C-alpha cells in the first residue's frame, strides 16, 4: 500500500512543479507588459495518514497541492515617455475604466483620446475621473474624462485692473477730448475684447485736476472701432476720478460715464469697469494698486478678463492628475482629474485579462479619491509603469521548479523499481 501511495505522492509533486512552471512562465511572458503585477504560486501539504489514530503523532504525508496564486502588488519601475496621455501611479491605487463587465481597474496608464474626445485605454475603455463644473473647477462628481469642444467662445472684457503710480509733481492740465495726447499728463493702452471676441485698443488718459489732489481718467478708443466714429479721432467711452490723500494713498474712486459702443457687429453699451485697487473708502490699504508718489508716472502691470475665441493648442497632466487644456489665446481650462481607486485588499482582486482587475468580496469595494489623498499614490505625467517582474529572480525560480520536477520523477521511477521487485518475488 505504501509503495502505491508513493506513486500518488510523486504525481502530486509533478503537478505542483508543473503549476509552478506555469505561474513563472506567465510572469516571464509579461515582463514587458505595462502595469503587470507578477504572481507567486503558494503550495500546501495534503492531508496526512496517521499511524496511531487521531491522538498519535506519527503521520505520513500525502503529497502537495497548489493552494493559492497570489498577485504581488509591488511598485513597478516608472519610465519616462514623450506621450502626454501616459500616466503612472507611484504608490497604492488603480485607474478605473468602464469595461464591458462593469468597472475595471488597471495599473496600465497607456491612455489616449479617441475620435469622440474620450480618454480611453488601449482597448477603448473610457477612463473615469472627476468632472469640472461650468467654471472649470474640479468637483467630486465622477464620469468619463472627455476633451470636449476643441474651440472656446469669446469672453468680453468686463474689468481692467490697473497697478500704477501717478507722479505727484505733474502740473495741472485741462483735458481736451479732441487733443488727448497733449492735454493729459500720462496715458497707457490695453487691449480689450468685445462680445464677439474682436480685440480693441483702449487708451486711458490721466490728467491732474485743479485741486492737485484729484486725477481724472478718460478711457478712449479710436473712432475706427466706435459706432459712428471717425477713424483717427479718439472717442471717450468711460471716465472718472481718483482721489488721493496727502500721503499719496488712494482714498476713493469716483466712476463716471461707462458705455463702450464698439462697431463691426459688437453689442452696444458694453460695460468695462476700470479697477485701480482697493481704496481706503473700500476698506483697503490704498497702496495695492494705484498711488500718487513723487516718482515718474508708470504702469507696473495691467490685466483684463476678456479673450478672443480660440482653439486647443496643447494639453498636459500635472502631478495631481488634472488634465489642463491650453488654447491659442493663452486661456487654460481644467477638463478633469484622473480618479484613483483604493482597495482594502489588493490581493483579493480578480484578474480578467487585458491588464484589468475587477473587485471581489475579498478585495472589498473600490474607494474612489484624488491622487495623493488618503494613502493613494501620486500620478506622474508622461510616465508609464512597467512590469514588476524581476527576470533574474524568475529564472532562479524556474530552475528550482525544474529541479523539483526532476526530483518527483525520481520518486516515481524509484517506486516503480520497488514495485517491480515485488512482482519478481512470484518468479
Protein backbone atom coordinates (compact mmCIF):
# COMPACT_ATOMS: atom_id res chain seq x y z
CA UNK A 1 0.00 0.00 0.00
CA UNK A 2 2.81 2.40 0.86
CA UNK A 3 4.55 1.76 -2.45
CA UNK A 4 1.37 2.55 -4.40
CA UNK A 5 0.76 5.68 -2.33
CA UNK A 6 4.26 6.88 -3.17
CA UNK A 7 3.19 6.91 -6.84
CA UNK A 8 0.35 9.30 -5.97
CA UNK A 9 2.63 11.46 -3.88
CA UNK A 10 5.07 11.73 -6.78
CA UNK A 11 2.23 12.66 -9.12
CA UNK A 12 1.14 15.48 -6.82
CA UNK A 13 4.71 16.73 -6.82
CA UNK A 14 4.81 16.65 -10.63
CA UNK A 15 1.51 18.55 -10.82
CA UNK A 16 2.74 21.12 -8.32
CA UNK A 17 6.01 21.63 -10.20
CA UNK A 18 4.12 21.98 -13.47
CA UNK A 19 1.73 24.53 -11.99
CA UNK A 20 4.67 26.44 -10.54
CA UNK A 21 6.27 26.44 -14.00
CA UNK A 22 3.03 27.89 -15.44
CA UNK A 23 3.00 30.76 -12.95
CA UNK A 24 6.68 31.52 -13.51
CA UNK A 25 6.25 31.27 -17.29
CA UNK A 26 3.35 33.73 -17.17
CA UNK A 27 5.48 36.17 -15.18
CA UNK A 28 8.34 35.91 -17.66
CA UNK A 29 5.98 36.27 -20.64
CA UNK A 30 4.61 39.53 -19.15
CA UNK A 31 7.93 41.03 -18.14
CA UNK A 32 7.36 43.72 -20.78
CA UNK A 33 3.65 44.30 -20.10
CA UNK A 34 2.84 47.79 -18.79
CA UNK A 35 1.43 47.78 -15.28
CA UNK A 36 1.63 43.98 -14.97
CA UNK A 37 1.79 42.53 -11.48
CA UNK A 38 3.60 39.21 -11.16
CA UNK A 39 2.14 36.24 -9.30
CA UNK A 40 3.51 33.73 -6.82
CA UNK A 41 2.44 30.09 -6.51
CA UNK A 42 1.83 29.02 -2.91
CA UNK A 43 1.61 25.33 -2.02
CA UNK A 44 0.27 23.32 0.91
CA UNK A 45 0.80 19.75 2.05
CA UNK A 46 -2.14 17.38 1.67
CA UNK A 47 -4.00 15.53 4.43
CA UNK A 48 -1.66 13.02 6.09
CA UNK A 49 -2.35 9.45 7.24
CA UNK A 50 -1.90 8.87 10.96
CA UNK A 51 -0.28 5.62 12.14
CA UNK A 52 -1.67 5.83 15.71
CA UNK A 53 -5.11 7.35 15.33
CA UNK A 54 -6.06 10.93 15.99
CA UNK A 55 -4.03 11.07 19.20
CA UNK A 56 -0.81 9.87 17.62
CA UNK A 57 1.98 11.99 16.26
CA UNK A 58 3.29 9.55 13.63
CA UNK A 59 1.93 10.60 10.25
CA UNK A 60 2.77 10.03 6.60
CA UNK A 61 2.16 12.89 4.16
CA UNK A 62 0.01 12.53 1.05
CA UNK A 63 1.84 14.98 -1.18
CA UNK A 64 1.32 18.63 -2.08
CA UNK A 65 -1.23 20.82 -3.81
CA UNK A 66 -1.46 24.34 -5.19
CA UNK A 67 -3.26 26.40 -2.55
CA UNK A 68 -3.09 29.97 -3.86
CA UNK A 69 -1.74 32.05 -6.73
CA UNK A 70 -1.16 35.44 -5.18
CA UNK A 71 -0.56 38.64 -7.18
CA UNK A 72 2.40 40.68 -6.00
CA UNK A 73 1.47 44.37 -5.94
CA UNK A 74 4.95 45.81 -5.51
CA UNK A 75 5.75 49.03 -7.35
CA UNK A 76 7.00 48.62 -10.90
CA UNK A 77 9.67 50.85 -12.38
CA UNK A 78 8.27 54.16 -13.68
CA UNK A 79 9.72 55.06 -17.07
CA UNK A 80 9.51 58.48 -18.71
CA UNK A 81 7.82 58.84 -22.12
CA UNK A 82 7.02 61.65 -24.57
CA UNK A 83 3.29 60.93 -24.67
CA UNK A 84 1.28 63.48 -22.69
CA UNK A 85 -1.53 60.97 -22.04
CA UNK A 86 0.82 58.39 -20.50
CA UNK A 87 0.36 58.50 -16.73
CA UNK A 88 1.60 56.26 -13.94
CA UNK A 89 0.65 55.75 -10.31
CA UNK A 90 3.55 55.91 -7.89
CA UNK A 91 2.16 54.17 -4.83
CA UNK A 92 -1.09 52.43 -3.98
CA UNK A 93 -4.17 52.54 -6.19
CA UNK A 94 -5.61 51.79 -9.62
CA UNK A 95 -7.07 53.66 -12.57
CA UNK A 96 -10.75 52.94 -13.15
CA UNK A 97 -12.09 52.24 -16.65
CA UNK A 98 -15.57 51.50 -17.92
CA UNK A 99 -15.14 47.87 -19.08
CA UNK A 100 -17.79 45.57 -20.67
CA UNK A 101 -18.14 43.60 -17.42
CA UNK A 102 -18.52 46.77 -15.34
CA UNK A 103 -15.86 48.81 -13.61
CA UNK A 104 -12.34 47.59 -14.36
CA UNK A 105 -9.17 48.57 -12.56
CA UNK A 106 -5.70 48.78 -14.03
CA UNK A 107 -2.17 50.00 -13.40
CA UNK A 108 -1.56 50.37 -17.14
CA UNK A 109 -1.65 54.11 -17.82
CA UNK A 110 -1.01 53.99 -21.58
CA UNK A 111 -4.06 56.11 -22.45
CA UNK A 112 -5.07 58.17 -25.47
CA UNK A 113 -8.05 60.14 -26.80
CA UNK A 114 -10.43 58.51 -29.25
CA UNK A 115 -12.17 60.19 -32.18
CA UNK A 116 -15.01 61.38 -29.91
CA UNK A 117 -12.64 63.03 -27.45
CA UNK A 118 -12.90 60.43 -24.68
CA UNK A 119 -9.79 59.37 -22.81
CA UNK A 120 -9.52 55.59 -23.26
CA UNK A 121 -7.09 52.73 -22.70
CA UNK A 122 -5.69 50.53 -25.46
CA UNK A 123 -8.95 48.57 -25.74
CA UNK A 124 -11.13 51.67 -25.96
CA UNK A 125 -12.46 51.53 -22.39
CA UNK A 126 -13.22 55.01 -21.05
CA UNK A 127 -11.08 56.29 -18.19
CA UNK A 128 -13.00 57.59 -15.17
CA UNK A 129 -12.23 60.81 -13.34
CA UNK A 130 -13.62 63.82 -11.52
CA UNK A 131 -15.61 66.28 -13.62
CA UNK A 132 -15.24 70.09 -13.77
CA UNK A 133 -18.12 72.49 -13.22
CA UNK A 134 -19.14 75.26 -15.61
CA UNK A 135 -16.33 77.48 -14.33
CA UNK A 136 -13.67 74.80 -14.76
CA UNK A 137 -13.34 73.91 -11.07
CA UNK A 138 -12.87 70.20 -10.35
CA UNK A 139 -15.81 68.68 -8.44
CA UNK A 140 -16.33 65.33 -6.68
CA UNK A 141 -18.62 64.07 -9.44
CA UNK A 142 -17.10 61.16 -11.36
CA UNK A 143 -17.57 60.29 -15.01
CA UNK A 144 -15.80 59.84 -18.33
CA UNK A 145 -12.83 62.12 -18.94
CA UNK A 146 -13.60 63.92 -22.19
CA UNK A 147 -11.69 66.50 -24.15
CA UNK A 148 -14.87 68.30 -25.17
CA UNK A 149 -15.00 71.02 -27.77
CA UNK A 150 -11.59 71.98 -29.10
CA UNK A 151 -12.75 75.59 -29.52
CA UNK A 152 -13.94 78.00 -26.86
CA UNK A 153 -16.13 81.07 -27.40
CA UNK A 154 -15.01 84.62 -26.90
CA UNK A 155 -15.26 86.26 -23.49
CA UNK A 156 -15.99 90.01 -23.48
CA UNK A 157 -13.87 92.17 -21.21
CA UNK A 158 -15.78 93.20 -18.11
CA UNK A 159 -12.94 94.56 -15.97
CA UNK A 160 -9.47 96.02 -16.40
CA UNK A 161 -7.22 96.16 -13.35
CA UNK A 162 -4.50 98.82 -13.22
CA UNK A 163 -1.44 98.81 -10.98
CA UNK A 164 0.38 102.11 -11.41
CA UNK A 165 1.80 105.33 -9.97
CA UNK A 166 0.82 108.85 -10.97
CA UNK A 167 3.55 111.46 -10.47
CA UNK A 168 2.50 113.96 -7.77
CA UNK A 169 4.92 116.52 -9.24
CA UNK A 170 2.98 116.82 -12.51
CA UNK A 171 1.40 120.22 -13.33
CA UNK A 172 -2.35 120.72 -13.55
CA UNK A 173 -3.75 120.24 -17.04
CA UNK A 174 -7.21 120.80 -18.51
CA UNK A 175 -8.19 117.80 -20.58
CA UNK A 176 -9.40 118.30 -24.17
CA UNK A 177 -11.03 115.18 -25.73
CA UNK A 178 -10.17 116.49 -29.18
CA UNK A 179 -6.46 116.55 -28.33
CA UNK A 180 -5.93 113.95 -25.56
CA UNK A 181 -2.21 113.40 -26.14
CA UNK A 182 -1.19 116.98 -25.40
CA UNK A 183 -3.75 117.76 -22.71
CA UNK A 184 -3.09 114.76 -20.45
CA UNK A 185 -0.20 114.14 -18.05
CA UNK A 186 0.08 110.41 -18.71
CA UNK A 187 -1.55 107.65 -20.76
CA UNK A 188 -1.43 103.90 -21.11
CA UNK A 189 -3.04 101.43 -23.50
CA UNK A 190 -4.52 97.97 -23.01
CA UNK A 191 -6.19 95.53 -25.42
CA UNK A 192 -9.78 94.65 -24.54
CA UNK A 193 -12.33 92.38 -26.23
CA UNK A 194 -15.90 92.98 -27.31
CA UNK A 195 -18.70 90.41 -27.02
CA UNK A 196 -17.71 88.64 -30.27
CA UNK A 197 -14.05 88.44 -29.33
CA UNK A 198 -12.68 91.23 -31.51
CA UNK A 199 -9.59 92.83 -30.00
CA UNK A 200 -9.88 96.61 -29.43
CA UNK A 201 -7.22 99.01 -28.21
CA UNK A 202 -8.34 101.14 -25.26
CA UNK A 203 -6.18 104.06 -24.19
CA UNK A 204 -6.63 105.63 -20.75
CA UNK A 205 -5.54 109.27 -20.36
CA UNK A 206 -4.81 110.79 -16.94
CA UNK A 207 -4.70 114.48 -16.13
CA UNK A 208 -4.13 116.21 -12.83
CA UNK A 209 -7.16 118.17 -11.64
CA UNK A 210 -7.09 121.80 -10.47
CA UNK A 211 -7.17 120.95 -6.73
CA UNK A 212 -3.93 118.97 -7.06
CA UNK A 213 -5.29 116.03 -5.06
CA UNK A 214 -7.52 114.50 -7.70
CA UNK A 215 -6.77 112.94 -11.04
CA UNK A 216 -9.22 112.48 -13.86
CA UNK A 217 -9.11 109.49 -16.20
CA UNK A 218 -10.63 109.17 -19.66
CA UNK A 219 -10.89 105.77 -21.41
CA UNK A 220 -10.95 106.32 -25.18
CA UNK A 221 -10.89 104.26 -28.36
CA UNK A 222 -10.10 105.14 -31.94
CA UNK A 223 -13.09 106.23 -33.98
CA UNK A 224 -12.42 103.32 -36.36
CA UNK A 225 -13.60 100.95 -33.56
CA UNK A 226 -16.57 103.03 -32.39
CA UNK A 227 -20.12 103.23 -33.68
CA UNK A 228 -20.44 106.48 -35.63
CA UNK A 229 -16.77 107.30 -35.04
CA UNK A 230 -14.23 108.89 -37.36
CA UNK A 231 -11.03 106.90 -37.95
CA UNK A 232 -8.05 108.65 -36.38
CA UNK A 233 -10.19 110.62 -33.92
CA UNK A 234 -10.38 109.35 -30.32
CA UNK A 235 -13.79 108.86 -28.75
CA UNK A 236 -14.41 108.78 -25.00
CA UNK A 237 -16.19 105.68 -23.64
CA UNK A 238 -15.62 105.92 -19.88
CA UNK A 239 -14.29 108.40 -17.34
CA UNK A 240 -13.98 109.03 -13.63
CA UNK A 241 -11.83 110.48 -10.84
CA UNK A 242 -9.14 109.19 -8.49
CA UNK A 243 -8.80 110.95 -5.13
CA UNK A 244 -5.56 110.69 -3.13
CA UNK A 245 -4.67 111.89 0.37
CA UNK A 246 -1.54 113.84 1.35
CA UNK A 247 0.46 110.61 1.65
CA UNK A 248 -0.24 109.63 -1.93
CA UNK A 249 -2.65 106.87 -0.88
CA UNK A 250 -5.78 106.21 -2.96
CA UNK A 251 -8.71 107.42 -0.90
CA UNK A 252 -11.59 106.97 -3.31
CA UNK A 253 -12.51 106.04 -6.85
CA UNK A 254 -15.35 108.04 -8.37
CA UNK A 255 -16.55 106.38 -11.59
CA UNK A 256 -18.36 108.41 -14.18
CA UNK A 257 -19.75 107.51 -17.60
CA UNK A 258 -19.14 103.94 -18.82
CA UNK A 259 -20.55 102.70 -22.13
CA UNK A 260 -18.35 101.14 -24.84
CA UNK A 261 -20.13 101.23 -28.19
CA UNK A 262 -17.92 99.13 -30.43
CA UNK A 263 -18.80 98.73 -34.12
CA UNK A 264 -18.42 95.80 -36.57
CA UNK A 265 -21.14 93.60 -35.10
CA UNK A 266 -20.45 94.15 -31.42
CA UNK A 267 -23.31 94.69 -28.98
CA UNK A 268 -23.77 98.34 -27.91
CA UNK A 269 -23.30 99.59 -24.37
CA UNK A 270 -20.63 97.16 -23.20
CA UNK A 271 -19.53 97.90 -19.62
CA UNK A 272 -15.82 97.68 -18.82
CA UNK A 273 -15.02 98.53 -15.20
CA UNK A 274 -11.66 100.15 -14.50
CA UNK A 275 -10.29 98.85 -11.22
CA UNK A 276 -7.49 100.82 -9.59
CA UNK A 277 -7.25 98.70 -6.44
CA UNK A 278 -8.95 98.75 -3.05
CA UNK A 279 -9.16 102.36 -1.86
CA UNK A 280 -9.38 103.47 1.76
CA UNK A 281 -13.10 104.03 1.33
CA UNK A 282 -13.50 100.45 0.14
CA UNK A 283 -11.68 99.13 3.22
CA UNK A 284 -8.33 98.60 1.53
CA UNK A 285 -4.89 100.00 2.20
CA UNK A 286 -4.96 102.24 -0.85
CA UNK A 287 -1.44 101.02 -1.68
CA UNK A 288 -2.06 97.76 -3.51
CA UNK A 289 -2.62 99.29 -6.95
CA UNK A 290 -2.76 102.98 -7.86
CA UNK A 291 -0.66 105.52 -5.90
CA UNK A 292 0.42 109.17 -6.18
CA UNK A 293 4.07 109.41 -5.18
CA UNK A 294 6.79 111.79 -6.21
CA UNK A 295 8.22 109.49 -8.83
CA UNK A 296 7.73 109.13 -12.55
CA UNK A 297 4.29 108.03 -13.72
CA UNK A 298 4.46 104.37 -14.75
CA UNK A 299 2.36 101.21 -15.03
CA UNK A 300 3.57 98.19 -13.07
CA UNK A 301 1.02 95.90 -14.70
CA UNK A 302 -2.49 95.80 -16.05
CA UNK A 303 -4.77 92.80 -16.58
CA UNK A 304 -8.14 92.26 -18.23
CA UNK A 305 -10.52 89.31 -18.09
CA UNK A 306 -11.60 89.06 -21.74
CA UNK A 307 -10.39 86.79 -24.51
CA UNK A 308 -10.97 86.02 -28.16
CA UNK A 309 -12.38 82.76 -29.47
CA UNK A 310 -9.66 80.14 -29.52
CA UNK A 311 -8.77 76.59 -30.48
CA UNK A 312 -6.94 73.97 -28.48
CA UNK A 313 -3.16 74.15 -28.84
CA UNK A 314 -1.84 71.74 -26.20
CA UNK A 315 -2.73 69.59 -23.18
CA UNK A 316 -0.92 68.43 -20.08
CA UNK A 317 -1.39 66.46 -16.86
CA UNK A 318 0.04 67.72 -13.60
CA UNK A 319 1.16 65.56 -10.68
CA UNK A 320 -2.35 65.66 -9.23
CA UNK A 321 -3.76 64.03 -12.35
CA UNK A 322 -5.52 67.19 -13.53
CA UNK A 323 -5.88 67.46 -17.31
CA UNK A 324 -5.37 71.07 -18.40
CA UNK A 325 -6.12 72.33 -21.90
CA UNK A 326 -4.18 75.34 -23.21
CA UNK A 327 -5.77 77.38 -26.01
CA UNK A 328 -4.01 79.57 -28.56
CA UNK A 329 -5.25 82.75 -26.86
CA UNK A 330 -3.44 81.79 -23.64
CA UNK A 331 -6.53 80.63 -21.76
CA UNK A 332 -6.15 77.48 -19.67
CA UNK A 333 -9.04 75.26 -18.60
CA UNK A 334 -9.18 72.15 -16.43
CA UNK A 335 -11.01 69.35 -18.23
CA UNK A 336 -10.99 66.72 -15.49
CA UNK A 337 -8.92 64.90 -12.90
CA UNK A 338 -7.97 61.23 -13.03
CA UNK A 339 -9.55 59.28 -10.17
CA UNK A 340 -7.57 56.68 -8.21
CA UNK A 341 -9.31 53.63 -6.71
CA UNK A 342 -8.08 52.13 -3.46
CA UNK A 343 -8.94 48.67 -2.07
CA UNK A 344 -8.62 47.23 1.41
CA UNK A 345 -7.09 44.04 -0.01
CA UNK A 346 -5.37 44.29 -3.38
CA UNK A 347 -4.58 40.55 -3.34
CA UNK A 348 -8.31 39.84 -3.40
CA UNK A 349 -8.76 41.39 -6.86
CA UNK A 350 -9.60 39.09 -9.76
CA UNK A 351 -7.58 39.22 -12.98
CA UNK A 352 -9.77 39.46 -16.09
CA UNK A 353 -7.03 39.79 -18.71
CA UNK A 354 -6.22 42.86 -20.82
CA UNK A 355 -4.28 44.30 -17.84
CA UNK A 356 -7.53 44.62 -15.88
CA UNK A 357 -8.74 43.58 -12.46
CA UNK A 358 -12.25 43.54 -11.05
CA UNK A 359 -13.32 43.81 -7.46
CA UNK A 360 -14.46 40.81 -5.41
CA UNK A 361 -15.80 40.23 -1.93
CA UNK A 362 -12.24 39.52 -0.79
CA UNK A 363 -10.88 42.79 -2.20
CA UNK A 364 -13.66 44.98 -0.84
CA UNK A 365 -15.29 47.81 -2.75
CA UNK A 366 -13.30 50.46 -4.56
CA UNK A 367 -12.88 53.75 -2.71
CA UNK A 368 -12.51 56.48 -5.32
CA UNK A 369 -10.44 59.54 -4.49
CA UNK A 370 -7.98 62.08 -5.77
CA UNK A 371 -4.31 61.19 -6.34
CA UNK A 372 -2.16 61.52 -3.24
CA UNK A 373 -5.15 61.62 -0.87
CA UNK A 374 -5.77 59.16 1.98
CA UNK A 375 -3.00 56.72 1.12
CA UNK A 376 -3.44 56.80 -2.65
CA UNK A 377 -0.37 57.11 -4.85
CA UNK A 378 0.52 60.23 -6.75
CA UNK A 379 0.06 60.43 -10.51
CA UNK A 380 3.09 61.04 -12.71
CA UNK A 381 2.55 62.57 -16.15
CA UNK A 382 4.44 61.50 -19.28
CA UNK A 383 5.30 58.29 -17.46
CA UNK A 384 4.37 54.63 -17.63
CA UNK A 385 4.67 51.92 -15.00
CA UNK A 386 6.49 48.86 -16.23
CA UNK A 387 6.01 45.26 -15.11
CA UNK A 388 7.20 44.50 -11.59
CA UNK A 389 8.58 41.11 -12.69
CA UNK A 390 12.26 40.60 -11.83
CA UNK A 391 13.64 38.43 -14.64
CA UNK A 392 16.66 37.31 -12.63
CA UNK A 393 14.51 36.10 -9.74
CA UNK A 394 12.11 34.34 -12.10
CA UNK A 395 14.97 32.45 -13.76
CA UNK A 396 16.12 31.25 -10.34
CA UNK A 397 12.57 30.17 -9.51
CA UNK A 398 12.38 28.46 -12.91
CA UNK A 399 15.47 26.40 -12.17
CA UNK A 400 14.12 25.47 -8.72
CA UNK A 401 10.81 24.33 -10.25
CA UNK A 402 12.70 22.26 -12.81
CA UNK A 403 14.71 20.56 -10.06
CA UNK A 404 11.51 19.87 -8.13
CA UNK A 405 10.01 18.28 -11.21
CA UNK A 406 13.08 16.12 -11.75
CA UNK A 407 13.09 15.08 -8.08
CA UNK A 408 9.46 13.97 -8.22
CA UNK A 409 10.07 11.95 -11.38
CA UNK A 410 12.80 10.21 -9.41
CA UNK A 411 10.25 9.34 -6.72
CA UNK A 412 8.00 7.72 -9.31
CA UNK A 413 10.77 5.77 -11.08
CA UNK A 414 12.14 4.52 -7.77
CA UNK A 415 8.67 3.44 -6.65
CA UNK A 416 8.26 1.66 -9.97
CA UNK A 417 11.51 -0.23 -9.44
CA UNK A 418 10.41 -1.28 -5.96
CA UNK A 419 7.06 -2.49 -7.28
CA UNK A 420 8.86 -4.45 -9.97
CA UNK A 421 10.90 -6.21 -7.29
CA UNK A 422 7.67 -7.21 -5.56
CA UNK A 423 6.34 -8.68 -8.81
CA UNK A 424 9.57 -10.62 -9.28
CA UNK A 425 9.07 -12.48 -5.98
CA UNK A 426 6.47 -14.73 -7.68
CA UNK A 427 9.02 -15.82 -10.23
